[in-house]
Amino acid sequence: MAAKKRSVPRKKAKVSDAVYPTSAVAIAARNLLNMAVVMASCGTILLTLMIVKKF
């Protein structure tokens, strides 16, 4: 009768920290930029639709 082999438990991977920690100011600036881009694109689309509707 063959002896049962015990499986070796896997080693847990180390949780690596972020290389460059992001500050709240950087996140807020990125969010503000994204919001401005979205509003500009929505405004452009709305203006285009309003112009097309007149013709």
PDB file of N, CA and C in Angstrom:
ATOM      1  N   MET A   1       0.846  -1.185   0.000  1.00  0.00           N
ATOM      2  CA  MET A   1       0.000   0.000   0.000  1.00  0.00           C
ATOM      3  C   MET A   1       0.886   1.241   0.000  1.00  0.00           C
ATOM      4  N   ALA A   2       0.618   2.130  -0.911  1.00  0.00           N
ATOM      5  CA  ALA A   2       1.456   3.319  -1.039  1.00  0.00           C
ATOM      6  C   ALA A   2       1.130   4.316   0.065  1.00  0.00           C
ATOM      7  N   ALA A   3       2.178   4.966   0.540  1.00  0.00           N
ATOM      8  CA  ALA A   3       1.983   5.975   1.578  1.00  0.00           C
ATOM      9  C   ALA A   3       1.416   7.244   0.952  1.00  0.00           C
ATOM     10  N   LYS A   4       0.470   7.882   1.649  1.00  0.00           N
ATOM     11  CA  LYS A   4      -0.130   9.115   1.134  1.00  0.00           C
ATOM     12  C   LYS A   4       0.847  10.267   1.316  1.00  0.00           C
ATOM     13  N   LYS A   5       0.978  11.072   0.276  1.00  0.00           N
ATOM     14  CA  LYS A   5       1.870  12.229   0.352  1.00  0.00           C
ATOM     15  C   LYS A   5       1.066  13.424   0.827  1.00  0.00           C
ATOM     16  N   ARG A   6       1.650  14.160   1.715  1.00  0.00           N
ATOM     17  CA  ARG A   6       1.003  15.405   2.171  1.00  0.00           C
ATOM     18  C   ARG A   6       1.388  16.524   1.220  1.00  0.00           C
ATOM     19  N   SER A   7       0.403  17.309   0.833  1.00  0.00           N
ATOM     20  CA  SER A   7       0.706  18.422  -0.045  1.00  0.00           C
ATOM     21  C   SER A   7       1.338  19.545   0.782  1.00  0.00           C
ATOM     22  N   VAL A   8       2.339  20.140   0.187  1.00  0.00           N
ATOM     23  CA  VAL A   8       3.044  21.228   0.854  1.00  0.00           C
ATOM     24  C   VAL A   8       2.190  22.488   0.735  1.00  0.00           C
ATOM     25  N   PRO A   9       1.920  23.179   1.848  1.00  0.00           N
ATOM     26  CA  PRO A   9       1.101  24.396   1.752  1.00  0.00           C
ATOM     27  C   PRO A   9       1.824  25.457   0.924  1.00  0.00           C
ATOM     28  N   ARG A  10       1.035  26.158   0.127  1.00  0.00           N
ATOM     29  CA  ARG A  10       1.616  27.201  -0.727  1.00  0.00           C
ATOM     30  C   ARG A  10       2.013  28.397   0.115  1.00  0.00           C
ATOM     31  N   LYS A  11       3.081  29.027  -0.333  1.00  0.00           N
ATOM     32  CA  LYS A  11       3.518  30.251   0.350  1.00  0.00           C
ATOM     33  C   LYS A  11       2.667  31.407  -0.133  1.00  0.00           C
ATOM     34  N   LYS A  12       2.258  32.245   0.782  1.00  0.00           N
ATOM     35  CA  LYS A  12       1.454  33.400   0.422  1.00  0.00           C
ATOM     36  C   LYS A  12       2.340  34.466  -0.202  1.00  0.00           C
ATOM     37  N   ALA A  13       1.842  35.064  -1.253  1.00  0.00           N
ATOM     38  CA  ALA A  13       2.594  36.130  -1.911  1.00  0.00           C
ATOM     39  C   ALA A  13       2.547  37.379  -1.038  1.00  0.00           C
ATOM     40  N   LYS A  14       3.657  38.071  -1.020  1.00  0.00           N
ATOM     41  CA  LYS A  14       3.719  39.299  -0.226  1.00  0.00           C
ATOM     42  C   LYS A  14       2.895  40.384  -0.895  1.00  0.00           C
ATOM     43  N   VAL A  15       2.178  41.119  -0.099  1.00  0.00           N
ATOM     44  CA  VAL A  15       1.395  42.228  -0.621  1.00  0.00           C
ATOM     45  C   VAL A  15       2.349  43.397  -0.814  1.00  0.00           C
ATOM     46  N   SER A  16       2.522  43.777  -2.069  1.00  0.00           N
ATOM     47  CA  SER A  16       3.459  44.863  -2.344  1.00  0.00           C
ATOM     48  C   SER A  16       2.756  46.208  -2.204  1.00  0.00           C
ATOM     49  N   ASP A  17       3.438  47.133  -1.627  1.00  0.00           N
ATOM     50  CA  ASP A  17       2.904  48.482  -1.494  1.00  0.00           C
ATOM     51  C   ASP A  17       3.018  49.198  -2.835  1.00  0.00           C
ATOM     52  N   ALA A  18       2.216  50.224  -3.021  1.00  0.00           N
ATOM     53  CA  ALA A  18       2.278  50.999  -4.247  1.00  0.00           C
ATOM     54  C   ALA A  18       3.640  51.665  -4.351  1.00  0.00           C
ATOM     55  N   VAL A  19       4.160  51.688  -5.554  1.00  0.00           N
ATOM     56  CA  VAL A  19       5.496  52.254  -5.743  1.00  0.00           C
ATOM     57  C   VAL A  19       5.452  53.748  -5.469  1.00  0.00           C
ATOM     58  N   TYR A  20       4.450  54.401  -6.026  1.00  0.00           N
ATOM     59  CA  TYR A  20       4.300  55.830  -5.807  1.00  0.00           C
ATOM     60  C   TYR A  20       2.958  56.062  -5.123  1.00  0.00           C
ATOM     61  N   PRO A  21       2.953  56.344  -3.843  1.00  0.00           N
ATOM     62  CA  PRO A  21       1.669  56.577  -3.180  1.00  0.00           C
ATOM     63  C   PRO A  21       1.005  57.831  -3.739  1.00  0.00           C
ATOM     64  N   THR A  22      -0.272  57.730  -4.035  1.00  0.00           N
ATOM     65  CA  THR A  22      -0.986  58.864  -4.615  1.00  0.00           C
ATOM     66  C   THR A  22      -1.574  59.707  -3.496  1.00  0.00           C
ATOM     67  N   SER A  23      -1.449  60.979  -3.645  1.00  0.00           N
ATOM     68  CA  SER A  23      -1.976  61.882  -2.632  1.00  0.00           C
ATOM     69  C   SER A  23      -3.410  62.273  -2.986  1.00  0.00           C
ATOM     70  N   ALA A  24      -4.087  62.805  -2.023  1.00  0.00           N
ATOM     71  CA  ALA A  24      -5.474  63.225  -2.235  1.00  0.00           C
ATOM     72  C   ALA A  24      -5.549  64.368  -3.244  1.00  0.00           C
ATOM     73  N   VAL A  25      -4.525  65.208  -3.280  1.00  0.00           N
ATOM     74  CA  VAL A  25      -4.526  66.332  -4.218  1.00  0.00           C
ATOM     75  C   VAL A  25      -4.416  65.823  -5.653  1.00  0.00           C
ATOM     76  N   ALA A  26      -3.583  64.807  -5.877  1.00  0.00           N
ATOM     77  CA  ALA A  26      -3.434  64.257  -7.225  1.00  0.00           C
ATOM     78  C   ALA A  26      -4.720  63.591  -7.682  1.00  0.00           C
ATOM     79  N   ILE A  27      -5.369  62.877  -6.788  1.00  0.00           N
ATOM     80  CA  ILE A  27      -6.628  62.215  -7.133  1.00  0.00           C
ATOM     81  C   ILE A  27      -7.699  63.255  -7.427  1.00  0.00           C
ATOM     82  N   ALA A  28      -7.774  64.301  -6.609  1.00  0.00           N
ATOM     83  CA  ALA A  28      -8.766  65.355  -6.827  1.00  0.00           C
ATOM     84  C   ALA A  28      -8.518  66.072  -8.153  1.00  0.00           C
ATOM     85  N   ALA A  29      -7.257  66.315  -8.490  1.00  0.00           N
ATOM     86  CA  ALA A  29      -6.941  66.985  -9.754  1.00  0.00           C
ATOM     87  C   ALA A  29      -7.330  66.111 -10.941  1.00  0.00           C
ATOM     88  N   ARG A  30      -7.067  64.801 -10.848  1.00  0.00           N
ATOM     89  CA  ARG A  30      -7.427  63.892 -11.934  1.00  0.00           C
ATOM     90  C   ARG A  30      -8.939  63.821 -12.086  1.00  0.00           C
ATOM     91  N   ASN A  31      -9.666  63.775 -10.976  1.00  0.00           N
ATOM     92  CA  ASN A  31     -11.128  63.736 -11.040  1.00  0.00           C
ATOM     93  C   ASN A  31     -11.692  65.016 -11.640  1.00  0.00           C
ATOM     94  N   LEU A  32     -11.096  66.141 -11.292  1.00  0.00           N
ATOM     95  CA  LEU A  32     -11.545  67.424 -11.836  1.00  0.00           C
ATOM     96  C   LEU A  32     -11.306  67.490 -13.334  1.00  0.00           C
ATOM     97  N   LEU A  33     -10.159  66.989 -13.773  1.00  0.00           N
ATOM     98  CA  LEU A  33      -9.856  66.978 -15.201  1.00  0.00           C
ATOM     99  C   LEU A  33     -10.824  66.066 -15.948  1.00  0.00           C
ATOM    100  N   ASN A  34     -11.100  64.900 -15.397  1.00  0.00           N
ATOM    101  CA  ASN A  34     -12.051  63.990 -16.040  1.00  0.00           C
ATOM    102  C   ASN A  34     -13.442  64.610 -16.118  1.00  0.00           C
ATOM    103  N   MET A  35     -13.844  65.302 -15.054  1.00  0.00           N
ATOM    104  CA  MET A  35     -15.155  65.936 -15.042  1.00  0.00           C
ATOM    105  C   MET A  35     -15.232  67.036 -16.103  1.00  0.00           C
ATOM    106  N   ALA A  36     -14.162  67.795 -16.262  1.00  0.00           N
ATOM    107  CA  ALA A  36     -14.151  68.859 -17.270  1.00  0.00           C
ATOM    108  C   ALA A  36     -14.223  68.275 -18.678  1.00  0.00           C
ATOM    109  N   VAL A  37     -13.529  67.173 -18.913  1.00  0.00           N
ATOM    110  CA  VAL A  37     -13.557  66.544 -20.239  1.00  0.00           C
ATOM    111  C   VAL A  37     -14.949  66.014 -20.548  1.00  0.00           C
ATOM    112  N   VAL A  38     -15.580  65.380 -19.580  1.00  0.00           N
ATOM    113  CA  VAL A  38     -16.923  64.835 -19.796  1.00  0.00           C
ATOM    114  C   VAL A  38     -17.924  65.952 -20.049  1.00  0.00           C
ATOM    115  N   MET A  39     -17.839  67.024 -19.274  1.00  0.00           N
ATOM    116  CA  MET A  39     -18.778  68.136 -19.467  1.00  0.00           C
ATOM    117  C   MET A  39     -18.567  68.810 -20.809  1.00  0.00           C
ATOM    118  N   ALA A  40     -17.312  68.955 -21.239  1.00  0.00           N
ATOM    119  CA  ALA A  40     -17.039  69.582 -22.534  1.00  0.00           C
ATOM    120  C   ALA A  40     -17.570  68.727 -23.677  1.00  0.00           C
ATOM    121  N   SER A  41     -17.382  67.422 -23.588  1.00  0.00           N
ATOM    122  CA  SER A  41     -17.868  66.560 -24.664  1.00  0.00           C
ATOM    123  C   SER A  41     -19.396  66.529 -24.693  1.00  0.00           C
ATOM    124  N   CYS A  42     -20.029  66.487 -23.528  1.00  0.00           N
ATOM    125  CA  CYS A  42     -21.500  66.514 -23.478  1.00  0.00           C
ATOM    126  C   CYS A  42     -22.032  67.838 -24.019  1.00  0.00           C
ATOM    127  N   GLY A  43     -21.389  68.934 -23.659  1.00  0.00           N
ATOM    128  CA  GLY A  43     -21.817  70.236 -24.168  1.00  0.00           C
ATOM    129  C   GLY A  43     -21.680  70.338 -25.663  1.00  0.00           C
ATOM    130  N   THR A  44     -20.590  69.803 -26.199  1.00  0.00           N
ATOM    131  CA  THR A  44     -20.390  69.821 -27.652  1.00  0.00           C
ATOM    132  C   THR A  44     -21.471  69.017 -28.358  1.00  0.00           C
ATOM    133  N   ILE A  45     -21.782  67.850 -27.808  1.00  0.00           N
ATOM    134  CA  ILE A  45     -22.818  67.015 -28.424  1.00  0.00           C
ATOM    135  C   ILE A  45     -24.175  67.710 -28.360  1.00  0.00           C
ATOM    136  N   LEU A  46     -24.501  68.307 -27.221  1.00  0.00           N
ATOM    137  CA  LEU A  46     -25.790  68.994 -27.099  1.00  0.00           C
ATOM    138  C   LEU A  46     -25.897  70.188 -28.041  1.00  0.00           C
ATOM    139  N   LEU A  47     -24.821  70.959 -28.148  1.00  0.00           N
ATOM    140  CA  LEU A  47     -24.841  72.098 -29.075  1.00  0.00           C
ATOM    141  C   LEU A  47     -24.996  71.623 -30.510  1.00  0.00           C
ATOM    142  N   THR A  48     -24.320  70.553 -30.871  1.00  0.00           N
ATOM    143  CA  THR A  48     -24.436  70.014 -32.229  1.00  0.00           C
ATOM    144  C   THR A  48     -25.867  69.562 -32.507  1.00  0.00           C
ATOM    145  N   LEU A  49     -26.470  68.880 -31.539  1.00  0.00           N
ATOM    146  CA  LEU A  49     -27.856  68.428 -31.735  1.00  0.00           C
ATOM    147  C   LEU A  49     -28.825  69.601 -31.842  1.00  0.00           C
ATOM    148  N   MET A  50     -28.583  70.663 -31.066  1.00  0.00           N
ATOM    149  CA  MET A  50     -29.462  71.829 -31.146  1.00  0.00           C
ATOM    150  C   MET A  50     -29.322  72.531 -32.492  1.00  0.00           C
ATOM    151  N   ILE A  51     -28.088  72.580 -33.012  1.00  0.00           N
ATOM    152  CA  ILE A  51     -27.875  73.215 -34.315  1.00  0.00           C
ATOM    153  C   ILE A  51     -28.528  72.389 -35.424  1.00  0.00           C
ATOM    154  N   VAL A  52     -28.387  71.074 -35.343  1.00  0.00           N
ATOM    155  CA  VAL A  52     -28.968  70.196 -36.365  1.00  0.00           C
ATOM    156  C   VAL A  52     -30.489  70.265 -36.331  1.00  0.00           C
ATOM    157  N   LYS A  53     -31.057  70.427 -35.154  1.00  0.00           N
ATOM    158  CA  LYS A  53     -32.526  70.470 -35.033  1.00  0.00           C
ATOM    159  C   LYS A  53     -33.111  71.698 -35.725  1.00  0.00           C
ATOM    160  N   LYS A  54     -32.335  72.782 -35.766  1.00  0.00           N
ATOM    161  CA  LYS A  54     -32.856  74.011 -36.392  1.00  0.00           C
ATOM    162  C   LYS A  54     -32.949  73.872 -37.901  1.00  0.00           C
ATOM    163  N   PHE A  55     -32.150  72.991 -38.498  1.00  0.00           N
ATOM    164  CA  PHE A  55     -32.143  72.860 -39.961  1.00  0.00           C
ATOM    165  C   PHE A  55     -33.028  71.756 -40.434  1.00  0.00           C
TER     166      PHE A  55
END
